[in-house]
N, C-alpha and C. Protein backbone atom coordinates (compact mmCIF):
# COMPACT_ATOMS: atom_id res chain seq x y z
N UNK A 1 -1.82 -15.72 -32.23
CA UNK A 1 -1.24 -14.23 -32.67
C UNK A 1 -2.23 -13.29 -33.05
N UNK A 2 -3.33 -13.91 -33.35
CA UNK A 2 -4.99 -13.15 -33.40
C UNK A 2 -5.62 -12.89 -32.18
N UNK A 3 -5.03 -13.81 -31.10
CA UNK A 3 -5.89 -13.42 -29.64
C UNK A 3 -4.96 -12.35 -28.44
N UNK A 4 -3.52 -12.07 -29.07
CA UNK A 4 -2.99 -11.15 -28.91
C UNK A 4 -3.52 -9.56 -28.17
N UNK A 5 -4.61 -8.39 -29.33
CA UNK A 5 -4.81 -7.61 -28.68
C UNK A 5 -5.99 -7.78 -27.43
N UNK A 6 -6.97 -9.00 -27.85
CA UNK A 6 -8.06 -9.12 -27.05
C UNK A 6 -7.50 -9.23 -25.16
N UNK A 7 -6.14 -10.36 -25.24
CA UNK A 7 -5.56 -10.87 -24.01
C UNK A 7 -4.78 -9.53 -23.17
N UNK A 8 -4.40 -8.80 -24.23
CA UNK A 8 -3.92 -7.65 -24.07
C UNK A 8 -4.75 -6.67 -23.49
N UNK A 9 -6.09 -6.62 -23.82
CA UNK A 9 -7.03 -5.83 -23.16
C UNK A 9 -7.37 -6.13 -22.22
N UNK A 10 -7.62 -6.96 -22.15
CA UNK A 10 -7.81 -7.89 -20.56
C UNK A 10 -7.06 -7.95 -19.50
N UNK A 11 -6.00 -8.11 -19.86
CA UNK A 11 -4.82 -7.46 -18.71
C UNK A 11 -4.82 -6.27 -18.48
N UNK A 12 -5.12 -5.45 -19.31
CA UNK A 12 -4.87 -3.95 -19.13
C UNK A 12 -6.12 -3.62 -18.10
N UNK A 13 -7.50 -4.60 -18.57
CA UNK A 13 -9.10 -3.90 -17.59
C UNK A 13 -8.77 -4.52 -16.39
N UNK A 14 -8.13 -5.52 -15.81
CA UNK A 14 -7.82 -6.31 -15.04
C UNK A 14 -7.12 -5.44 -14.23
N UNK A 15 -5.84 -4.68 -14.25
CA UNK A 15 -4.97 -4.30 -14.01
C UNK A 15 -5.18 -2.98 -12.93
N UNK A 16 -6.47 -2.15 -14.16
CA UNK A 16 -6.22 -1.00 -13.93
C UNK A 16 -7.09 -0.70 -12.58
N UNK A 17 -8.10 -1.38 -11.43
CA UNK A 17 -9.01 -1.74 -10.68
C UNK A 17 -8.34 -1.69 -9.40
N UNK A 18 -7.49 -2.49 -9.39
CA UNK A 18 -5.89 -2.87 -8.30
C UNK A 18 -5.23 -1.60 -7.88
N UNK A 19 -4.55 -0.57 -9.69
CA UNK A 19 -4.19 0.73 -8.66
C UNK A 19 -5.63 1.51 -7.97
N UNK A 20 -6.70 1.52 -8.12
CA UNK A 20 -7.51 2.27 -7.72
C UNK A 20 -7.99 2.03 -6.79
N UNK A 21 -7.79 1.13 -5.72
CA UNK A 21 -7.73 0.84 -4.44
C UNK A 21 -7.25 1.30 -3.47
N UNK A 22 -5.77 2.01 -3.76
CA UNK A 22 -5.33 2.43 -2.99
C UNK A 22 -6.00 3.94 -1.96
N UNK A 23 -6.13 3.23 -1.30
CA UNK A 23 -6.94 4.85 -0.40
C UNK A 23 -6.23 5.23 0.95
N UNK A 24 -5.83 6.36 0.51
CA UNK A 24 -5.35 7.33 1.26
C UNK A 24 -5.66 8.25 2.21
N UNK A 25 -5.68 8.03 3.27
CA UNK A 25 -6.36 9.57 3.99
C UNK A 25 -5.49 10.20 4.61
N UNK A 26 -5.77 12.10 4.08
CA UNK A 26 -4.60 12.76 4.16
C UNK A 26 -4.32 12.94 5.76
N UNK A 27 -3.25 13.21 6.72
CA UNK A 27 -3.18 13.86 7.75
C UNK A 27 -4.15 15.88 8.04
N UNK A 28 -4.99 15.27 8.94
CA UNK A 28 -5.00 17.01 9.32
C UNK A 28 -4.24 17.94 10.33
N UNK A 29 -3.81 17.50 10.49
CA UNK A 29 -2.67 18.79 10.72
C UNK A 29 -1.23 17.71 11.38
N UNK A 30 -0.03 18.69 11.79
CA UNK A 30 1.09 18.30 11.44
C UNK A 30 1.46 17.19 12.72
N UNK A 31 0.69 17.42 13.81
CA UNK A 31 0.68 16.95 15.16
C UNK A 31 0.04 15.56 15.02
N UNK A 32 -0.75 15.26 14.01
CA UNK A 32 -1.28 13.82 13.92
C UNK A 32 -0.48 13.46 12.83
N UNK A 33 0.30 14.64 12.35
CA UNK A 33 1.11 13.06 11.36
C UNK A 33 2.46 12.39 12.44
N UNK A 34 3.11 13.45 13.23
CA UNK A 34 4.05 13.50 14.19
C UNK A 34 3.31 11.97 14.48
N UNK A 35 2.45 11.90 15.56
CA UNK A 35 2.01 10.79 16.38
C UNK A 35 1.69 9.63 15.34
N UNK A 36 1.48 9.81 14.30
CA UNK A 36 1.78 8.71 13.73
C UNK A 36 2.59 7.87 13.49
N UNK A 37 3.79 8.46 12.60
CA UNK A 37 5.49 8.40 12.70
C UNK A 37 5.73 7.55 13.95
N UNK A 38 5.32 8.75 15.42
CA UNK A 38 6.18 8.35 16.70
C UNK A 38 5.33 6.57 17.22
N UNK A 39 4.29 6.20 16.62
CA UNK A 39 3.61 5.00 16.70
C UNK A 39 4.19 4.06 15.69
N UNK A 40 4.01 4.01 14.70
CA UNK A 40 4.46 3.02 14.07
C UNK A 40 5.91 2.80 14.33
N UNK A 41 7.19 3.63 14.43
CA UNK A 41 8.75 3.24 15.30
C UNK A 41 7.70 2.83 16.27
N UNK A 42 7.31 2.49 17.46
CA UNK A 42 6.95 2.35 18.18
C UNK A 42 6.45 0.77 18.46
N UNK A 43 5.32 0.37 17.53
CA UNK A 43 4.56 -0.86 17.52
C UNK A 43 5.82 -1.65 16.53
N UNK A 44 5.31 -3.25 16.87
CA UNK A 44 6.58 -4.06 16.09
C UNK A 44 5.68 -4.88 15.44
N UNK A 45 5.66 -5.21 14.14
CA UNK A 45 4.80 -6.08 13.10
C UNK A 45 5.30 -7.36 13.80
N UNK A 46 3.81 -7.91 13.73
CA UNK A 46 3.64 -9.60 14.50
C UNK A 46 4.48 -10.52 13.49
N UNK A 47 4.83 -10.42 11.85
CA UNK A 47 5.25 -10.93 10.93
C UNK A 47 6.46 -11.22 11.31
N UNK A 48 6.95 -9.93 11.00
CA UNK A 48 8.64 -9.64 10.85
C UNK A 48 9.39 -9.65 12.36
N UNK A 49 10.51 -10.44 12.05
CA UNK A 49 10.98 -10.96 13.71
C UNK A 49 11.76 -9.15 13.94
N UNK A 50 11.73 -8.73 14.62
CA UNK A 50 12.27 -7.82 14.76
C UNK A 50 12.29 -6.16 14.39
N UNK A 51 11.39 -6.10 14.18
CA UNK A 51 10.93 -5.05 13.42
C UNK A 51 9.78 -4.31 13.57
N UNK A 52 9.92 -2.88 13.29
CA UNK A 52 9.13 -1.94 13.94
C UNK A 52 7.61 -1.55 12.43
N UNK A 53 6.70 -1.39 12.31
CA UNK A 53 5.34 -1.65 11.86
C UNK A 53 6.03 -0.33 10.83
N UNK A 54 6.68 0.61 10.96
CA UNK A 54 7.21 1.14 9.81
C UNK A 54 8.31 0.90 9.05
N UNK A 55 9.61 -0.22 9.70
CA UNK A 55 9.85 -0.81 8.44
C UNK A 55 10.11 -1.80 8.16
N UNK A 56 8.80 -2.07 8.26
CA UNK A 56 8.29 -3.96 8.03
C UNK A 56 7.53 -3.78 6.28
N UNK A 57 7.73 -4.90 6.08
CA UNK A 57 6.97 -4.31 4.26
C UNK A 57 6.26 -5.15 3.96
N UNK A 58 5.26 -6.07 5.24
CA UNK A 58 4.52 -6.93 5.47
C UNK A 58 3.20 -6.38 5.34
């Protein structure tokens, strides 16, 4: 029971960097975003059978 606070701190310290690794790049303009959406609808996911990249969870 006395290790619980230490374990909780360790888990929180390890979880924080995982959230910080999301690297989101904004689109420069509306046309670039539209092109991205069209490409993701057309390209097929190699892992998911018969799904586009936009529909894939992989």
